[in-house]
Amino acid sequence: MSILSSFEVEFIPVGEGERSGDAILARWTEGDVHRVMVYDGGTKASGQRLVDHIKSHYKTTRVDYVVNSHPDNDHASGLSVVLEQLSVGEVWMHRPWDHSQIIRDYFHDGRITDESLKVRLQEKMAAAYKIETLAVEKGIPIKEPFQGMNIGPFKILSPEKDWYLHELVADFAKSPKKKESLESMMESAASTMTKAFQSVIRLIAEAWDMEYLRENVETSAENESSVILFADFAGRGVMLTGDAGVQALKRANDYALSQGIYLPGVLNFIQVPHHGSRNNVSTSTLDSIIGLRQNEEELQYTKTAFVSSGAKSETHPRRMVVNAFNKRGVKVYKTNGNTIRHHYKMPTRNWGPIEALPISKEVEAWD
């Protein structure tokens, strides 16, 4: 058996209603030792579920790596619970407030100082800053994850450091008040839209040879800063994407190719980005990372994808995204209030099977 041939990836449910978040565990075997990584922690409640799951199923209180993919609350909040209750080897997270001297030049307001910007970012990203504070208190090493670095067997494919510092972090640091107002409006609109899903969302037919994903979609700079990880477990590639969008995914694929990694040929498991949002993937992106669409008559499922979605969410994941993965031979499963597990040569559990999401004949129209 290869030293890295056995592994498991588990998605812990986040939220009880419409909102979604990520709380993910990865465990693998190095010789006779199991290693554990927590990739995002969701809310405080899901952070507690992570702790309980590790103690109950992994029989340990030790986590080797804690990774915060990006500073959004629905990814960072639960990690503080992990740090408070378990022994942690390393914390991997971005600390944009430590780069205030660099990004201050992108502001036109001369009243902003390095220190005031640092404090503003810490307050705005309070859940992520809490992780740093706890790690420092406990003497846990903190490392910033950038392209080319390794977290155990996982290679960081994105973000590249210069892109992060000189484009991404500057964008999500600009005009904080305006940004917060926009986010509040979007959350309110999303909630209203979800409640009236059946009456507001227009569905259109999608045949096998059609795909309504768009190439010019955009997501926030915070989402694009997500840490994209890839590991090869004896020919079974695992890829975690956070809330990454098409820019980050393209850069991740370009870097993988530069390292001799052809993702469609080795990928076995992938996290569907941003809970299955149609604003985070495109046809060309999926073609390059997963592979081209197959013929309907010859479809063979060779890959697995998990998506974190709230138990009552009607918009996560989008049908057109699920269809796109299916047509490329990827079975898609969602948390939907449950813990779901993908594993190879790891201890079995008395858990029942779950149903993969089917291909839909109708998908959501863009307008």
Protein backbone atom coordinates (compact mmCIF):
# COMPACT_ATOMS: atom_id res chain seq x y z
CA MET A 1 0.00 0.00 0.00
CA SER A 2 1.28 3.46 -0.87
CA ILE A 3 2.13 5.66 2.09
CA LEU A 4 -0.66 8.01 1.00
CA SER A 5 -3.15 5.54 -0.48
CA SER A 6 -5.89 5.63 2.19
CA PHE A 7 -7.93 8.76 2.85
CA GLU A 8 -11.36 10.16 3.63
CA VAL A 9 -13.06 13.50 3.14
CA GLU A 10 -16.13 14.42 5.18
CA PHE A 11 -18.49 17.37 4.91
CA ILE A 12 -20.19 18.38 8.16
CA PRO A 13 -23.61 20.10 7.79
CA VAL A 14 -23.67 23.85 8.35
CA GLY A 15 -26.82 25.77 9.23
CA GLU A 16 -30.34 24.61 9.85
CA GLY A 17 -32.11 26.70 7.23
CA GLU A 18 -31.46 28.38 3.90
CA ARG A 19 -27.92 29.63 4.49
CA SER A 20 -24.95 27.44 3.58
CA GLY A 21 -21.37 27.22 4.81
CA ASP A 22 -18.38 24.89 4.76
CA ALA A 23 -17.01 22.61 7.50
CA ILE A 24 -14.79 19.92 6.03
CA LEU A 25 -12.54 17.20 7.41
CA ALA A 26 -9.77 15.31 5.61
CA ARG A 27 -7.94 12.35 7.12
CA TRP A 28 -5.21 10.23 5.57
CA THR A 29 -2.66 7.61 6.56
CA GLU A 30 1.08 8.19 6.68
CA GLY A 31 2.64 4.84 7.47
CA ASP A 32 0.84 3.77 10.65
CA VAL A 33 -0.27 7.28 11.60
CA HIS A 34 -3.53 9.05 10.75
CA ARG A 35 -3.27 12.76 9.96
CA VAL A 36 -6.23 15.13 10.30
CA MET A 37 -6.95 18.41 8.56
CA VAL A 38 -9.89 20.74 9.18
CA TYR A 39 -10.67 22.86 6.12
CA ASP A 40 -13.08 25.60 7.19
CA GLY A 41 -15.38 25.40 10.17
CA GLY A 42 -18.69 26.96 9.19
CA THR A 43 -20.62 28.45 12.12
CA LYS A 44 -19.95 28.00 15.82
CA ALA A 45 -22.51 25.17 15.87
CA SER A 46 -20.83 23.30 13.02
CA GLY A 47 -17.46 23.91 14.69
CA GLN A 48 -18.77 21.99 17.69
CA ARG A 49 -19.95 19.22 15.36
CA LEU A 50 -16.43 19.04 13.93
CA VAL A 51 -14.94 18.65 17.40
CA ASP A 52 -17.46 15.99 18.41
CA HIS A 53 -16.96 14.12 15.13
CA ILE A 54 -13.17 14.06 15.49
CA LYS A 55 -13.40 12.76 19.04
CA SER A 56 -16.09 10.19 18.25
CA HIS A 57 -14.97 8.80 14.89
CA TYR A 58 -11.24 9.55 14.79
CA LYS A 59 -10.68 8.77 18.47
CA THR A 60 -8.31 11.69 18.90
CA THR A 61 -8.13 15.24 20.21
CA ARG A 62 -5.32 16.15 17.82
CA VAL A 63 -5.68 18.05 14.54
CA ASP A 64 -2.53 18.41 12.46
CA TYR A 65 -3.68 21.26 10.23
CA VAL A 66 -6.43 23.87 10.48
CA VAL A 67 -7.05 25.73 7.21
CA ASN A 68 -9.24 28.79 6.78
CA SER A 69 -9.90 29.00 3.04
CA HIS A 70 -10.97 32.67 3.20
CA PRO A 71 -12.22 35.06 5.89
CA ASP A 72 -16.00 34.84 5.37
CA ASN A 73 -17.86 34.12 8.60
CA ASP A 74 -19.58 31.00 7.24
CA HIS A 75 -16.13 29.44 6.78
CA ALA A 76 -14.15 30.89 9.68
CA SER A 77 -16.44 31.05 12.73
CA GLY A 78 -16.41 27.36 13.64
CA LEU A 79 -12.62 27.11 13.52
CA SER A 80 -12.33 29.03 16.78
CA VAL A 81 -14.21 26.17 18.48
CA VAL A 82 -11.69 23.69 17.05
CA LEU A 83 -8.77 25.74 18.38
CA GLU A 84 -10.40 26.15 21.78
CA GLN A 85 -11.17 22.46 22.33
CA LEU A 86 -8.54 20.47 20.43
CA SER A 87 -4.78 20.32 20.13
CA VAL A 88 -3.73 21.87 16.80
CA GLY A 89 -0.37 21.51 15.04
CA GLU A 90 -0.51 24.35 12.49
CA VAL A 91 -2.95 27.05 11.42
CA TRP A 92 -3.01 28.11 7.76
CA MET A 93 -4.83 31.35 7.07
CA HIS A 94 -4.47 34.66 5.29
CA ARG A 95 -3.95 37.71 7.49
CA PRO A 96 -4.74 40.69 5.26
CA TRP A 97 -4.43 43.09 8.19
CA ASP A 98 -0.71 42.29 8.31
CA HIS A 99 -0.33 43.70 4.79
CA SER A 100 -2.00 47.06 5.42
CA GLN A 101 1.20 48.91 4.49
CA ILE A 102 1.08 47.39 1.01
CA ILE A 103 -2.63 47.78 0.29
CA ARG A 104 -3.01 51.29 1.78
CA ASP A 105 -1.55 52.67 -1.44
CA TYR A 106 -4.70 51.52 -3.26
CA PHE A 107 -6.82 53.96 -1.28
CA HIS A 108 -7.33 57.56 -2.33
CA ASP A 109 -8.24 58.68 1.17
CA GLY A 110 -5.09 60.15 2.69
CA ARG A 111 -6.61 59.99 6.18
CA ILE A 112 -6.26 56.19 6.23
CA THR A 113 -3.14 55.07 8.06
CA ASP A 114 -1.51 51.65 8.16
CA GLU A 115 -2.77 51.16 11.70
CA SER A 116 -6.33 52.36 11.04
CA LEU A 117 -6.59 50.10 8.00
CA LYS A 118 -5.23 47.17 10.00
CA VAL A 119 -7.84 47.70 12.71
CA ARG A 120 -10.61 48.14 10.14
CA LEU A 121 -9.73 44.83 8.47
CA GLN A 122 -9.53 43.02 11.80
CA GLU A 123 -12.97 44.30 12.75
CA LYS A 124 -14.49 43.52 9.38
CA MET A 125 -13.06 39.98 9.42
CA ALA A 126 -13.61 39.37 13.10
CA ALA A 127 -14.17 35.61 12.79
CA ALA A 128 -10.87 35.12 10.98
CA TYR A 129 -9.04 37.49 13.33
CA LYS A 130 -10.35 35.43 16.26
CA ILE A 131 -8.57 32.39 14.81
CA GLU A 132 -5.29 34.30 14.74
CA THR A 133 -5.78 35.54 18.30
CA LEU A 134 -6.43 32.03 19.63
CA ALA A 135 -3.47 30.57 17.74
CA VAL A 136 -1.12 33.20 19.14
CA GLU A 137 -2.44 32.63 22.66
CA LYS A 138 -1.86 28.89 22.36
CA GLY A 139 1.52 29.16 20.63
CA ILE A 140 0.27 27.45 17.46
CA PRO A 141 2.35 28.32 14.37
CA ILE A 142 0.46 30.38 11.77
CA LYS A 143 1.37 30.17 8.11
CA GLU A 144 -0.09 32.11 5.18
CA PRO A 145 -1.16 29.78 2.35
CA PHE A 146 0.06 30.75 -1.10
CA GLN A 147 0.48 28.94 -4.39
CA GLY A 148 3.30 26.37 -4.39
CA MET A 149 3.34 25.72 -0.65
CA ASN A 150 2.40 22.36 0.89
CA ILE A 151 0.04 21.54 3.74
CA GLY A 152 0.89 17.93 4.46
CA PRO A 153 0.26 16.07 1.18
CA PHE A 154 -1.86 18.93 -0.16
CA LYS A 155 -0.35 21.33 -2.68
CA ILE A 156 -1.70 24.88 -2.67
CA LEU A 157 -2.80 25.69 -6.22
CA SER A 158 -4.18 29.17 -5.51
CA PRO A 159 -3.98 32.04 -4.65
CA GLU A 160 -0.63 33.21 -5.96
CA LYS A 161 0.92 35.67 -3.48
CA ASP A 162 1.27 38.73 -5.73
CA TRP A 163 -2.26 38.33 -7.09
CA TYR A 164 -3.59 38.08 -3.56
CA LEU A 165 -1.72 41.11 -2.21
CA HIS A 166 -1.91 43.49 -5.13
CA GLU A 167 -5.34 42.73 -6.56
CA LEU A 168 -7.59 40.60 -4.37
CA VAL A 169 -7.01 41.94 -0.88
CA ALA A 170 -7.04 45.48 -2.19
CA ASP A 171 -10.48 44.89 -3.72
CA PHE A 172 -12.08 43.52 -0.61
CA ALA A 173 -10.45 46.15 1.55
CA LYS A 174 -11.74 49.10 -0.49
CA SER A 175 -14.75 51.11 0.69
CA PRO A 176 -15.70 48.83 3.62
CA LYS A 177 -18.93 50.71 4.38
CA LYS A 178 -20.13 50.45 0.80
CA LYS A 179 -19.15 46.80 0.70
CA GLU A 180 -20.99 45.96 3.90
CA SER A 181 -24.10 47.74 2.65
CA LEU A 182 -23.98 45.80 -0.62
CA GLU A 183 -23.54 42.48 1.18
CA SER A 184 -26.49 43.25 3.44
CA MET A 185 -28.67 44.02 0.44
CA MET A 186 -27.59 40.82 -1.32
CA GLU A 187 -28.32 38.67 1.74
CA SER A 188 -31.78 40.21 2.07
CA ALA A 189 -32.49 39.70 -1.62
CA ALA A 190 -31.25 36.11 -1.50
CA SER A 191 -33.50 35.32 1.46
CA THR A 192 -36.54 36.80 -0.27
CA MET A 193 -35.74 34.96 -3.50
CA THR A 194 -35.34 31.61 -1.74
CA LYS A 195 -38.68 31.90 0.06
CA ALA A 196 -40.45 32.55 -3.21
CA PHE A 197 -38.32 30.19 -5.29
CA GLN A 198 -41.08 28.35 -7.10
CA SER A 199 -42.97 31.49 -8.07
CA VAL A 200 -40.01 33.75 -8.94
CA ILE A 201 -37.35 31.53 -10.55
CA ARG A 202 -38.10 30.76 -14.16
CA LEU A 203 -37.06 27.31 -15.34
CA ILE A 204 -35.99 26.54 -18.88
CA ALA A 205 -35.35 23.27 -20.66
CA GLU A 206 -31.78 22.01 -20.93
CA ALA A 207 -30.92 19.18 -23.31
CA TRP A 208 -27.78 17.05 -23.05
CA ASP A 209 -25.91 19.09 -25.64
CA MET A 210 -26.83 22.40 -23.95
CA GLU A 211 -25.06 24.13 -21.09
CA TYR A 212 -26.23 27.48 -19.76
CA LEU A 213 -23.17 28.27 -17.64
CA ARG A 214 -21.64 31.62 -18.55
CA GLU A 215 -18.00 32.46 -19.15
CA ASN A 216 -18.14 36.05 -17.86
CA VAL A 217 -19.42 35.33 -14.35
CA GLU A 218 -17.79 37.00 -11.37
CA THR A 219 -17.64 36.49 -7.63
CA SER A 220 -16.19 38.58 -4.82
CA ALA A 221 -12.48 39.10 -4.26
CA GLU A 222 -12.87 37.38 -0.88
CA ASN A 223 -14.20 34.27 -2.63
CA GLU A 224 -11.46 34.35 -5.25
CA SER A 225 -8.90 34.40 -2.44
CA SER A 226 -10.02 30.93 -1.33
CA VAL A 227 -7.20 28.48 -0.71
CA ILE A 228 -7.46 25.76 -3.37
CA LEU A 229 -5.82 22.50 -2.31
CA PHE A 230 -4.91 19.39 -4.28
CA ALA A 231 -3.49 16.07 -3.09
CA ASP A 232 -2.75 12.87 -5.01
CA PHE A 233 -3.50 9.78 -2.97
CA ALA A 234 -2.03 7.00 -5.13
CA GLY A 235 -3.70 8.25 -8.30
CA ARG A 236 -6.86 9.45 -6.58
CA GLY A 237 -6.75 13.23 -6.67
CA VAL A 238 -8.63 15.28 -4.08
CA MET A 239 -9.37 18.98 -4.67
CA LEU A 240 -10.86 21.44 -2.16
CA THR A 241 -12.00 24.76 -3.59
CA GLY A 242 -13.73 26.83 -0.89
CA ASP A 243 -15.69 29.61 -2.57
CA ALA A 244 -13.23 30.05 -5.45
CA GLY A 245 -14.47 31.54 -8.72
CA VAL A 246 -13.45 31.15 -12.34
CA GLN A 247 -10.37 33.35 -11.99
CA ALA A 248 -8.95 31.35 -9.10
CA LEU A 249 -9.88 28.01 -10.67
CA LYS A 250 -8.20 28.96 -13.94
CA ARG A 251 -5.05 30.07 -12.14
CA ALA A 252 -5.09 26.87 -10.09
CA ASN A 253 -5.34 24.74 -13.22
CA ASP A 254 -2.56 26.70 -14.96
CA TYR A 255 -0.28 26.17 -11.98
CA ALA A 256 -1.17 22.47 -11.78
CA LEU A 257 -0.24 22.04 -15.44
CA SER A 258 3.07 23.82 -14.83
CA GLN A 259 3.78 21.19 -12.17
CA GLY A 260 2.92 18.31 -14.48
CA ILE A 261 -0.49 17.71 -12.90
CA TYR A 262 -3.24 17.06 -15.44
CA LEU A 263 -6.32 17.39 -13.25
CA PRO A 264 -8.89 15.65 -15.50
CA GLY A 265 -6.65 12.59 -15.56
CA VAL A 266 -6.06 12.26 -11.83
CA LEU A 267 -9.01 13.96 -10.12
CA ASN A 268 -11.18 11.56 -8.12
CA PHE A 269 -12.96 13.91 -5.71
CA ILE A 270 -13.75 17.64 -5.89
CA GLN A 271 -15.60 20.14 -3.75
CA VAL A 272 -18.23 22.00 -5.78
CA PRO A 273 -17.19 25.66 -5.34
CA HIS A 274 -19.31 28.07 -3.32
CA HIS A 275 -22.15 25.67 -2.52
CA GLY A 276 -22.95 25.14 -6.20
CA SER A 277 -23.31 28.77 -7.24
CA ARG A 278 -23.52 29.34 -10.99
CA ASN A 279 -21.36 32.46 -10.55
CA ASN A 280 -18.26 30.44 -9.66
CA VAL A 281 -17.86 27.99 -12.55
CA SER A 282 -17.97 28.14 -16.34
CA THR A 283 -17.95 25.61 -19.16
CA SER A 284 -14.29 26.21 -20.01
CA THR A 285 -13.26 26.01 -16.34
CA LEU A 286 -14.96 22.67 -15.81
CA ASP A 287 -13.58 21.38 -19.12
CA SER A 288 -10.04 22.14 -18.00
CA ILE A 289 -10.33 20.83 -14.44
CA ILE A 290 -12.74 17.89 -14.74
CA GLY A 291 -12.84 17.09 -18.45
CA LEU A 292 -15.12 17.49 -21.43
CA ARG A 293 -18.78 16.55 -21.47
CA GLN A 294 -19.37 12.92 -22.37
CA ASN A 295 -21.82 11.46 -24.85
CA GLU A 296 -25.12 10.73 -23.16
CA GLU A 297 -25.19 7.14 -24.39
CA GLU A 298 -21.64 6.46 -23.19
CA LEU A 299 -21.70 8.31 -19.87
CA GLN A 300 -19.41 6.79 -17.26
CA TYR A 301 -19.21 8.11 -13.71
CA THR A 302 -15.59 8.13 -12.57
CA LYS A 303 -15.51 11.06 -10.14
CA THR A 304 -17.31 12.29 -7.02
CA ALA A 305 -18.23 15.82 -5.94
CA PHE A 306 -19.62 17.08 -2.63
CA VAL A 307 -21.45 20.35 -2.13
CA SER A 308 -22.27 22.02 1.18
CA SER A 309 -25.84 23.27 1.16
CA GLY A 310 -28.26 24.38 3.85
CA ALA A 311 -30.94 21.87 4.76
CA LYS A 312 -33.67 24.17 3.45
CA SER A 313 -31.78 25.87 0.64
CA GLU A 314 -33.60 25.88 -2.69
CA THR A 315 -30.85 27.70 -4.59
CA HIS A 316 -27.79 25.69 -3.49
CA PRO A 317 -26.68 23.94 -5.56
CA ARG A 318 -27.94 25.33 -8.87
CA ARG A 319 -29.41 22.75 -11.20
CA MET A 320 -27.29 23.89 -14.15
CA VAL A 321 -24.15 23.36 -12.05
CA VAL A 322 -25.22 19.88 -10.98
CA ASN A 323 -26.01 19.04 -14.60
CA ALA A 324 -22.61 20.27 -15.75
CA PHE A 325 -20.81 18.02 -13.28
CA ASN A 326 -23.00 15.04 -14.14
CA LYS A 327 -22.39 15.40 -17.86
CA ARG A 328 -18.67 15.14 -17.18
CA GLY A 329 -19.03 11.89 -15.29
CA VAL A 330 -19.15 13.33 -11.77
CA LYS A 331 -21.69 12.14 -9.22
CA VAL A 332 -22.78 15.06 -7.04
CA TYR A 333 -23.89 14.70 -3.42
CA LYS A 334 -25.03 17.47 -1.07
CA THR A 335 -24.97 17.68 2.72
CA ASN A 336 -28.61 18.78 3.06
CA GLY A 337 -28.34 18.68 6.86
CA ASN A 338 -26.27 15.47 7.01
CA THR A 339 -22.62 14.52 7.33
CA ILE A 340 -21.45 12.89 4.09
CA ARG A 341 -18.27 10.91 3.53
CA HIS A 342 -16.01 9.97 0.62
CA HIS A 343 -13.34 7.44 1.52
CA TYR A 344 -10.87 4.85 0.26
CA LYS A 345 -9.34 2.08 2.37
CA MET A 346 -10.40 3.73 5.61
CA PRO A 347 -12.42 2.12 8.43
CA THR A 348 -16.05 1.51 7.50
CA ARG A 349 -18.99 2.87 9.44
CA ASN A 350 -22.54 1.71 9.85
CA TRP A 351 -23.85 4.53 7.70
CA GLY A 352 -26.50 4.22 5.03
CA PRO A 353 -26.00 5.23 1.38
CA ILE A 354 -27.05 8.62 0.05
CA GLU A 355 -28.61 9.51 -3.26
CA ALA A 356 -26.64 11.40 -5.89
CA LEU A 357 -28.30 14.48 -7.35
CA PRO A 358 -29.96 13.64 -10.68
CA ILE A 359 -29.66 15.40 -14.00
CA SER A 360 -32.49 17.92 -14.34
CA LYS A 361 -34.40 18.44 -17.55
CA GLU A 362 -35.04 22.04 -16.51
CA VAL A 363 -32.59 24.54 -15.04
CA GLU A 364 -32.84 28.07 -13.68
CA ALA A 365 -32.99 30.87 -16.22
CA TRP A 366 -30.55 33.72 -15.72
CA ASP A 367 -33.27 36.39 -15.82
